[in-house]
Amino acid sequence: MLKAKGSAGVSKLKNVITKNMRTRKSFDNEMLVYSLYLPYTPKLISSDEKNLSIKISYECCKALIFLPIEEREKYYPAVKKLYDRLRKDTGMYHNDFSARNVIVNQKTGKLFLIDFSSLRKNKEDLSQETLNFLKKLNNKNPVVHGRYT
């Protein structure tokens, strides 16, 4: 069984990931995002409110953190756009945003965001790790007229 922040455990069986949350808040945050069926998140298969668990589809590929730095950096502009899109789609900030929570299909270039147990409403409440990763992404993106391209 794998361990993830905010969860009691994560396990994979065939093409299904089961994530058991420690708290109701973590479960609610995960459900907020997965129940929207966003194209950049794994598909929600089922949830168990009583046991605070969810089942999501296993997306092939690798976490961004496992790619060599040079290859990882080429995805940064798209990762930043996904972070901003999540904020727009949910009204929340991903507070455990790092290269380990971005999944990459290297064949198609498609990216998926995962692990929404630590969502925050206010940017001021973001963890230092999330702020550092966002800073890294911002430094890799060219700025044109004050907007990221």
N, C-alpha and C. Protein backbone atom coordinates (compact mmCIF):
# COMPACT_ATOMS: atom_id res chain seq x y z
N MET A 1 0.84 -1.18 0.00
CA MET A 1 0.00 0.00 0.00
C MET A 1 0.89 1.24 0.00
N LEU A 2 0.54 2.21 -0.83
CA LEU A 2 1.25 3.46 -0.92
C LEU A 2 0.69 4.44 0.10
N LYS A 3 1.48 5.39 0.52
CA LYS A 3 1.02 6.43 1.44
C LYS A 3 0.99 7.76 0.71
N ALA A 4 -0.04 8.55 1.00
CA ALA A 4 -0.16 9.89 0.43
C ALA A 4 -0.61 10.83 1.54
N LYS A 5 -0.19 12.10 1.44
CA LYS A 5 -0.60 13.07 2.44
C LYS A 5 -2.12 13.13 2.52
N GLY A 6 -2.65 13.25 3.72
CA GLY A 6 -4.10 13.38 3.88
C GLY A 6 -4.86 12.09 3.71
N SER A 7 -4.15 11.02 3.43
CA SER A 7 -4.85 9.75 3.25
C SER A 7 -4.26 8.69 4.17
N ALA A 8 -5.10 7.73 4.51
CA ALA A 8 -4.64 6.61 5.32
C ALA A 8 -3.88 5.62 4.46
N GLY A 9 -4.14 5.65 3.15
CA GLY A 9 -3.43 4.77 2.25
C GLY A 9 -3.99 4.80 0.85
N VAL A 10 -3.15 4.42 -0.08
CA VAL A 10 -3.52 4.36 -1.49
C VAL A 10 -3.08 3.00 -1.99
N SER A 11 -3.99 2.29 -2.66
CA SER A 11 -3.62 1.00 -3.22
C SER A 11 -4.08 0.92 -4.67
N LYS A 12 -3.41 0.07 -5.44
CA LYS A 12 -3.72 -0.10 -6.85
C LYS A 12 -4.00 -1.56 -7.12
N LEU A 13 -5.13 -1.83 -7.76
CA LEU A 13 -5.48 -3.17 -8.18
C LEU A 13 -5.96 -3.07 -9.61
N LYS A 14 -5.24 -3.70 -10.50
CA LYS A 14 -5.51 -3.61 -11.94
C LYS A 14 -5.48 -2.14 -12.34
N ASN A 15 -6.57 -1.62 -12.90
CA ASN A 15 -6.60 -0.23 -13.36
C ASN A 15 -7.39 0.68 -12.45
N VAL A 16 -7.45 0.32 -11.16
CA VAL A 16 -8.21 1.10 -10.20
C VAL A 16 -7.32 1.47 -9.01
N ILE A 17 -7.36 2.74 -8.64
CA ILE A 17 -6.65 3.22 -7.44
C ILE A 17 -7.71 3.44 -6.37
N THR A 18 -7.48 2.89 -5.19
CA THR A 18 -8.37 3.12 -4.05
C THR A 18 -7.62 4.02 -3.08
N LYS A 19 -8.26 5.10 -2.70
CA LYS A 19 -7.64 6.05 -1.78
C LYS A 19 -8.54 6.17 -0.55
N ASN A 20 -7.98 5.88 0.61
CA ASN A 20 -8.70 5.97 1.88
C ASN A 20 -8.25 7.22 2.62
N MET A 21 -9.18 8.12 2.89
CA MET A 21 -8.85 9.37 3.55
C MET A 21 -8.89 9.24 5.06
N ARG A 22 -8.07 10.05 5.72
CA ARG A 22 -8.05 10.08 7.18
C ARG A 22 -9.15 10.95 7.76
N THR A 23 -9.51 12.00 7.03
CA THR A 23 -10.49 12.95 7.56
C THR A 23 -11.63 13.19 6.58
N ARG A 24 -12.73 13.64 7.12
CA ARG A 24 -13.89 13.99 6.29
C ARG A 24 -13.54 15.13 5.34
N LYS A 25 -12.76 16.09 5.82
CA LYS A 25 -12.36 17.24 4.99
C LYS A 25 -11.57 16.78 3.78
N SER A 26 -10.63 15.86 3.97
CA SER A 26 -9.86 15.33 2.84
C SER A 26 -10.76 14.63 1.84
N PHE A 27 -11.69 13.83 2.34
CA PHE A 27 -12.64 13.14 1.47
C PHE A 27 -13.48 14.15 0.68
N ASP A 28 -13.99 15.15 1.36
CA ASP A 28 -14.83 16.16 0.69
C ASP A 28 -14.03 16.91 -0.38
N ASN A 29 -12.77 17.23 -0.10
CA ASN A 29 -11.95 17.91 -1.09
C ASN A 29 -11.73 17.05 -2.33
N GLU A 30 -11.41 15.78 -2.11
CA GLU A 30 -11.22 14.87 -3.25
C GLU A 30 -12.51 14.76 -4.07
N MET A 31 -13.62 14.61 -3.37
CA MET A 31 -14.91 14.46 -4.07
C MET A 31 -15.30 15.74 -4.82
N LEU A 32 -14.96 16.88 -4.28
CA LEU A 32 -15.26 18.15 -4.96
C LEU A 32 -14.68 18.15 -6.36
N VAL A 33 -13.44 17.70 -6.47
CA VAL A 33 -12.77 17.71 -7.77
C VAL A 33 -13.18 16.52 -8.63
N TYR A 34 -13.08 15.30 -8.08
CA TYR A 34 -13.34 14.12 -8.91
C TYR A 34 -14.79 14.03 -9.38
N SER A 35 -15.73 14.56 -8.62
CA SER A 35 -17.13 14.49 -9.04
C SER A 35 -17.44 15.44 -10.20
N LEU A 36 -16.51 16.34 -10.52
CA LEU A 36 -16.68 17.23 -11.67
C LEU A 36 -16.29 16.56 -12.99
N TYR A 37 -15.60 15.42 -12.90
CA TYR A 37 -15.14 14.68 -14.09
C TYR A 37 -14.38 15.60 -15.06
N LEU A 38 -13.39 16.29 -14.53
CA LEU A 38 -12.59 17.20 -15.34
C LEU A 38 -11.66 16.40 -16.25
N PRO A 39 -11.40 16.91 -17.45
CA PRO A 39 -10.59 16.13 -18.41
C PRO A 39 -9.13 15.96 -18.01
N TYR A 40 -8.68 16.66 -17.00
CA TYR A 40 -7.29 16.58 -16.58
C TYR A 40 -7.14 15.92 -15.20
N THR A 41 -8.17 15.18 -14.79
CA THR A 41 -8.09 14.38 -13.56
C THR A 41 -8.49 12.95 -13.90
N PRO A 42 -7.98 11.98 -13.14
CA PRO A 42 -8.43 10.60 -13.35
C PRO A 42 -9.94 10.50 -13.13
N LYS A 43 -10.56 9.54 -13.78
CA LYS A 43 -12.02 9.37 -13.69
C LYS A 43 -12.41 8.76 -12.34
N LEU A 44 -13.44 9.35 -11.72
CA LEU A 44 -14.00 8.80 -10.49
C LEU A 44 -14.81 7.56 -10.85
N ILE A 45 -14.50 6.45 -10.21
CA ILE A 45 -15.24 5.20 -10.45
C ILE A 45 -16.33 5.04 -9.41
N SER A 46 -15.97 5.24 -8.13
CA SER A 46 -16.96 5.14 -7.06
C SER A 46 -16.42 5.82 -5.80
N SER A 47 -17.33 6.03 -4.87
CA SER A 47 -16.92 6.61 -3.58
C SER A 47 -17.72 5.95 -2.47
N ASP A 48 -17.14 5.94 -1.29
CA ASP A 48 -17.78 5.37 -0.11
C ASP A 48 -17.68 6.42 1.00
N GLU A 49 -18.76 7.16 1.16
CA GLU A 49 -18.79 8.25 2.13
C GLU A 49 -18.61 7.76 3.57
N LYS A 50 -19.18 6.62 3.87
CA LYS A 50 -19.09 6.07 5.23
C LYS A 50 -17.64 5.75 5.60
N ASN A 51 -16.91 5.14 4.67
CA ASN A 51 -15.53 4.73 4.93
C ASN A 51 -14.49 5.73 4.42
N LEU A 52 -14.97 6.87 3.92
CA LEU A 52 -14.09 7.94 3.42
C LEU A 52 -13.10 7.43 2.38
N SER A 53 -13.60 6.70 1.40
CA SER A 53 -12.71 6.19 0.36
C SER A 53 -13.28 6.49 -1.02
N ILE A 54 -12.37 6.58 -1.96
CA ILE A 54 -12.75 6.77 -3.36
C ILE A 54 -11.98 5.78 -4.22
N LYS A 55 -12.55 5.48 -5.37
CA LYS A 55 -11.87 4.66 -6.37
C LYS A 55 -11.81 5.50 -7.64
N ILE A 56 -10.60 5.64 -8.17
CA ILE A 56 -10.40 6.39 -9.40
C ILE A 56 -9.67 5.51 -10.40
N SER A 57 -9.78 5.88 -11.68
CA SER A 57 -9.10 5.11 -12.71
C SER A 57 -7.60 5.32 -12.60
N TYR A 58 -6.87 4.27 -12.88
CA TYR A 58 -5.41 4.37 -12.91
C TYR A 58 -5.02 4.96 -14.25
N GLU A 59 -4.32 6.06 -14.22
CA GLU A 59 -3.82 6.66 -15.45
C GLU A 59 -2.39 6.16 -15.65
N CYS A 60 -2.13 5.72 -16.85
CA CYS A 60 -0.81 5.19 -17.16
C CYS A 60 0.26 6.22 -16.86
N CYS A 61 1.39 5.90 -17.07
CA CYS A 61 2.43 6.89 -17.12
C CYS A 61 3.20 7.11 -15.84
N LYS A 62 3.83 8.27 -15.74
CA LYS A 62 4.72 8.58 -14.63
C LYS A 62 4.35 9.90 -13.98
N ALA A 63 4.68 9.99 -12.71
CA ALA A 63 4.60 11.28 -12.06
C ALA A 63 5.72 12.14 -12.62
N LEU A 64 5.44 13.40 -12.79
CA LEU A 64 6.40 14.35 -13.35
C LEU A 64 7.74 14.31 -12.62
N ILE A 65 7.71 14.06 -11.33
CA ILE A 65 8.93 14.05 -10.53
C ILE A 65 9.91 12.96 -10.95
N PHE A 66 9.43 11.91 -11.61
CA PHE A 66 10.29 10.81 -12.00
C PHE A 66 10.95 11.02 -13.37
N LEU A 67 10.65 12.13 -14.01
CA LEU A 67 11.31 12.45 -15.29
C LEU A 67 12.60 13.21 -15.02
N PRO A 68 13.57 13.09 -15.92
CA PRO A 68 14.79 13.91 -15.78
C PRO A 68 14.41 15.39 -15.78
N ILE A 69 15.16 16.20 -15.07
CA ILE A 69 14.82 17.62 -14.91
C ILE A 69 14.61 18.32 -16.25
N GLU A 70 15.48 18.06 -17.22
CA GLU A 70 15.35 18.72 -18.52
C GLU A 70 14.03 18.38 -19.19
N GLU A 71 13.63 17.11 -19.11
CA GLU A 71 12.37 16.69 -19.72
C GLU A 71 11.19 17.22 -18.92
N ARG A 72 11.31 17.21 -17.60
CA ARG A 72 10.26 17.71 -16.71
C ARG A 72 9.95 19.17 -17.02
N GLU A 73 10.98 19.97 -17.22
CA GLU A 73 10.80 21.40 -17.42
C GLU A 73 10.04 21.73 -18.70
N LYS A 74 10.10 20.87 -19.69
CA LYS A 74 9.36 21.17 -20.92
C LYS A 74 7.84 21.11 -20.70
N TYR A 75 7.41 20.45 -19.63
CA TYR A 75 5.98 20.37 -19.32
C TYR A 75 5.50 21.53 -18.44
N TYR A 76 6.42 22.31 -17.88
CA TYR A 76 6.05 23.34 -16.92
C TYR A 76 5.00 24.34 -17.42
N PRO A 77 5.08 24.85 -18.65
CA PRO A 77 4.03 25.78 -19.09
C PRO A 77 2.63 25.15 -19.06
N ALA A 78 2.53 23.89 -19.48
CA ALA A 78 1.23 23.20 -19.47
C ALA A 78 0.78 22.91 -18.04
N VAL A 79 1.71 22.58 -17.17
CA VAL A 79 1.37 22.31 -15.76
C VAL A 79 0.82 23.57 -15.12
N LYS A 80 1.44 24.71 -15.37
CA LYS A 80 0.97 25.99 -14.82
C LYS A 80 -0.45 26.28 -15.31
N LYS A 81 -0.70 26.04 -16.58
CA LYS A 81 -2.05 26.26 -17.13
C LYS A 81 -3.07 25.35 -16.44
N LEU A 82 -2.68 24.10 -16.18
CA LEU A 82 -3.60 23.19 -15.49
C LEU A 82 -3.90 23.66 -14.08
N TYR A 83 -2.89 24.16 -13.39
CA TYR A 83 -3.10 24.67 -12.03
C TYR A 83 -4.10 25.82 -12.06
N ASP A 84 -3.91 26.73 -13.01
CA ASP A 84 -4.83 27.86 -13.14
C ASP A 84 -6.23 27.40 -13.54
N ARG A 85 -6.29 26.38 -14.38
CA ARG A 85 -7.59 25.85 -14.81
C ARG A 85 -8.33 25.19 -13.65
N LEU A 86 -7.60 24.47 -12.79
CA LEU A 86 -8.23 23.88 -11.62
C LEU A 86 -8.83 24.96 -10.74
N ARG A 87 -8.11 26.04 -10.55
CA ARG A 87 -8.61 27.17 -9.74
C ARG A 87 -9.90 27.72 -10.35
N LYS A 88 -9.90 27.88 -11.66
CA LYS A 88 -11.09 28.41 -12.35
C LYS A 88 -12.26 27.43 -12.28
N ASP A 89 -11.98 26.14 -12.46
CA ASP A 89 -13.05 25.13 -12.50
C ASP A 89 -13.65 24.83 -11.13
N THR A 90 -12.85 24.96 -10.07
CA THR A 90 -13.32 24.57 -8.73
C THR A 90 -13.44 25.73 -7.75
N GLY A 91 -12.77 26.84 -8.04
CA GLY A 91 -12.73 27.95 -7.10
C GLY A 91 -11.77 27.69 -5.95
N MET A 92 -10.95 26.65 -6.06
CA MET A 92 -10.04 26.27 -4.98
C MET A 92 -8.61 26.19 -5.51
N TYR A 93 -7.66 26.26 -4.57
CA TYR A 93 -6.25 26.11 -4.88
C TYR A 93 -5.79 24.71 -4.46
N HIS A 94 -4.97 24.09 -5.30
CA HIS A 94 -4.36 22.79 -4.96
C HIS A 94 -3.23 23.10 -3.99
N ASN A 95 -3.32 22.59 -2.77
CA ASN A 95 -2.34 22.94 -1.74
C ASN A 95 -1.25 21.89 -1.54
N ASP A 96 -1.23 20.88 -2.37
CA ASP A 96 -0.14 19.91 -2.33
C ASP A 96 0.39 19.80 -3.76
N PHE A 97 0.57 20.96 -4.37
CA PHE A 97 0.94 21.03 -5.77
C PHE A 97 2.45 20.87 -5.91
N SER A 98 2.84 19.78 -6.54
CA SER A 98 4.25 19.49 -6.76
C SER A 98 4.36 18.53 -7.93
N ALA A 99 5.58 18.27 -8.34
CA ALA A 99 5.82 17.37 -9.48
C ALA A 99 5.34 15.95 -9.21
N ARG A 100 5.17 15.58 -7.94
CA ARG A 100 4.69 14.21 -7.66
C ARG A 100 3.18 14.10 -7.86
N ASN A 101 2.47 15.22 -7.95
CA ASN A 101 1.02 15.20 -8.13
C ASN A 101 0.58 15.62 -9.53
N VAL A 102 1.52 15.51 -10.46
CA VAL A 102 1.22 15.71 -11.88
C VAL A 102 1.65 14.43 -12.59
N ILE A 103 0.72 13.81 -13.30
CA ILE A 103 1.00 12.57 -14.02
C ILE A 103 1.13 12.90 -15.50
N VAL A 104 2.14 12.33 -16.15
CA VAL A 104 2.44 12.64 -17.54
C VAL A 104 2.37 11.38 -18.39
N ASN A 105 1.62 11.46 -19.49
CA ASN A 105 1.67 10.43 -20.52
C ASN A 105 2.67 10.93 -21.54
N GLN A 106 3.87 10.38 -21.53
CA GLN A 106 4.93 10.87 -22.39
C GLN A 106 4.65 10.64 -23.87
N LYS A 107 3.84 9.66 -24.20
CA LYS A 107 3.53 9.38 -25.60
C LYS A 107 2.59 10.44 -26.18
N THR A 108 1.59 10.84 -25.39
CA THR A 108 0.59 11.80 -25.88
C THR A 108 0.83 13.22 -25.39
N GLY A 109 1.63 13.38 -24.34
CA GLY A 109 1.85 14.69 -23.74
C GLY A 109 0.73 15.12 -22.81
N LYS A 110 -0.27 14.25 -22.61
CA LYS A 110 -1.40 14.59 -21.75
C LYS A 110 -0.97 14.58 -20.28
N LEU A 111 -1.48 15.57 -19.53
CA LEU A 111 -1.17 15.71 -18.12
C LEU A 111 -2.43 15.49 -17.29
N PHE A 112 -2.24 14.93 -16.10
CA PHE A 112 -3.33 14.74 -15.14
C PHE A 112 -2.88 15.29 -13.79
N LEU A 113 -3.80 15.94 -13.10
CA LEU A 113 -3.54 16.38 -11.73
C LEU A 113 -4.16 15.36 -10.78
N ILE A 114 -3.50 15.12 -9.65
CA ILE A 114 -4.02 14.19 -8.65
C ILE A 114 -3.84 14.77 -7.25
N ASP A 115 -4.42 14.10 -6.29
CA ASP A 115 -4.30 14.39 -4.85
C ASP A 115 -4.84 15.77 -4.48
N PHE A 116 -6.13 15.81 -4.27
CA PHE A 116 -6.82 17.06 -3.97
C PHE A 116 -7.26 17.16 -2.51
N SER A 117 -6.70 16.35 -1.65
CA SER A 117 -7.14 16.30 -0.26
C SER A 117 -6.82 17.57 0.52
N SER A 118 -5.89 18.38 0.02
CA SER A 118 -5.48 19.58 0.76
C SER A 118 -5.89 20.88 0.08
N LEU A 119 -7.01 20.89 -0.62
CA LEU A 119 -7.46 22.11 -1.30
C LEU A 119 -7.61 23.26 -0.32
N ARG A 120 -7.40 24.48 -0.81
CA ARG A 120 -7.58 25.69 -0.01
C ARG A 120 -8.38 26.72 -0.80
N LYS A 121 -9.17 27.51 -0.08
CA LYS A 121 -9.95 28.58 -0.72
C LYS A 121 -9.11 29.83 -0.95
N ASN A 122 -8.16 30.08 -0.07
CA ASN A 122 -7.38 31.31 -0.13
C ASN A 122 -5.92 31.05 -0.49
N LYS A 123 -5.41 31.87 -1.38
CA LYS A 123 -4.01 31.73 -1.79
C LYS A 123 -3.07 31.93 -0.61
N GLU A 124 -3.47 32.75 0.34
CA GLU A 124 -2.64 33.01 1.52
C GLU A 124 -2.44 31.76 2.38
N ASP A 125 -3.28 30.75 2.22
CA ASP A 125 -3.21 29.53 3.02
C ASP A 125 -2.36 28.43 2.37
N LEU A 126 -1.74 28.71 1.25
CA LEU A 126 -0.98 27.68 0.53
C LEU A 126 0.32 27.34 1.26
N SER A 127 0.70 26.08 1.16
CA SER A 127 1.94 25.61 1.79
C SER A 127 3.16 26.20 1.09
N GLN A 128 4.26 26.21 1.78
CA GLN A 128 5.51 26.71 1.20
C GLN A 128 5.93 25.83 0.02
N GLU A 129 5.70 24.53 0.12
CA GLU A 129 6.05 23.62 -0.98
C GLU A 129 5.28 23.98 -2.26
N THR A 130 3.98 24.25 -2.12
CA THR A 130 3.18 24.64 -3.27
C THR A 130 3.66 25.97 -3.83
N LEU A 131 3.92 26.95 -2.96
CA LEU A 131 4.40 28.25 -3.41
C LEU A 131 5.74 28.13 -4.13
N ASN A 132 6.62 27.28 -3.62
CA ASN A 132 7.92 27.08 -4.26
C ASN A 132 7.78 26.46 -5.65
N PHE A 133 6.87 25.48 -5.77
CA PHE A 133 6.67 24.84 -7.08
C PHE A 133 6.06 25.83 -8.07
N LEU A 134 5.10 26.62 -7.62
CA LEU A 134 4.51 27.64 -8.49
C LEU A 134 5.56 28.65 -8.93
N LYS A 135 6.45 29.03 -8.03
CA LYS A 135 7.51 29.96 -8.37
C LYS A 135 8.42 29.36 -9.43
N LYS A 136 8.73 28.07 -9.28
CA LYS A 136 9.56 27.38 -10.26
C LYS A 136 8.87 27.38 -11.62
N LEU A 137 7.57 27.10 -11.64
CA LEU A 137 6.82 27.10 -12.90
C LEU A 137 6.81 28.49 -13.52
N ASN A 138 6.59 29.51 -12.70
CA ASN A 138 6.54 30.88 -13.20
C ASN A 138 7.87 31.31 -13.79
N ASN A 139 8.96 30.86 -13.21
CA ASN A 139 10.27 31.24 -13.71
C ASN A 139 10.60 30.57 -15.04
N LYS A 140 9.90 29.49 -15.38
CA LYS A 140 10.14 28.78 -16.64
C LYS A 140 9.23 29.27 -17.76
N ASN A 141 8.20 30.07 -17.42
CA ASN A 141 7.25 30.53 -18.42
C ASN A 141 7.58 31.94 -18.88
N PRO A 142 7.60 32.19 -20.19
CA PRO A 142 7.83 33.55 -20.65
C PRO A 142 6.61 34.41 -20.33
N VAL A 143 6.86 35.65 -19.96
CA VAL A 143 5.77 36.58 -19.65
C VAL A 143 5.62 37.55 -20.81
N VAL A 144 4.40 37.66 -21.31
CA VAL A 144 4.09 38.59 -22.39
C VAL A 144 2.97 39.49 -21.90
N HIS A 145 3.21 40.75 -21.80
CA HIS A 145 2.21 41.72 -21.34
C HIS A 145 1.62 41.32 -20.00
N GLY A 146 2.45 40.82 -19.11
CA GLY A 146 1.99 40.48 -17.76
C GLY A 146 1.22 39.19 -17.65
N ARG A 147 1.09 38.43 -18.74
CA ARG A 147 0.36 37.17 -18.70
C ARG A 147 1.28 36.05 -19.15
N TYR A 148 1.04 34.88 -18.60
CA TYR A 148 1.84 33.71 -18.98
C TYR A 148 1.31 33.14 -20.28
N THR A 149 2.22 32.75 -21.15
CA THR A 149 1.82 32.18 -22.44
C THR A 149 1.93 30.68 -22.39
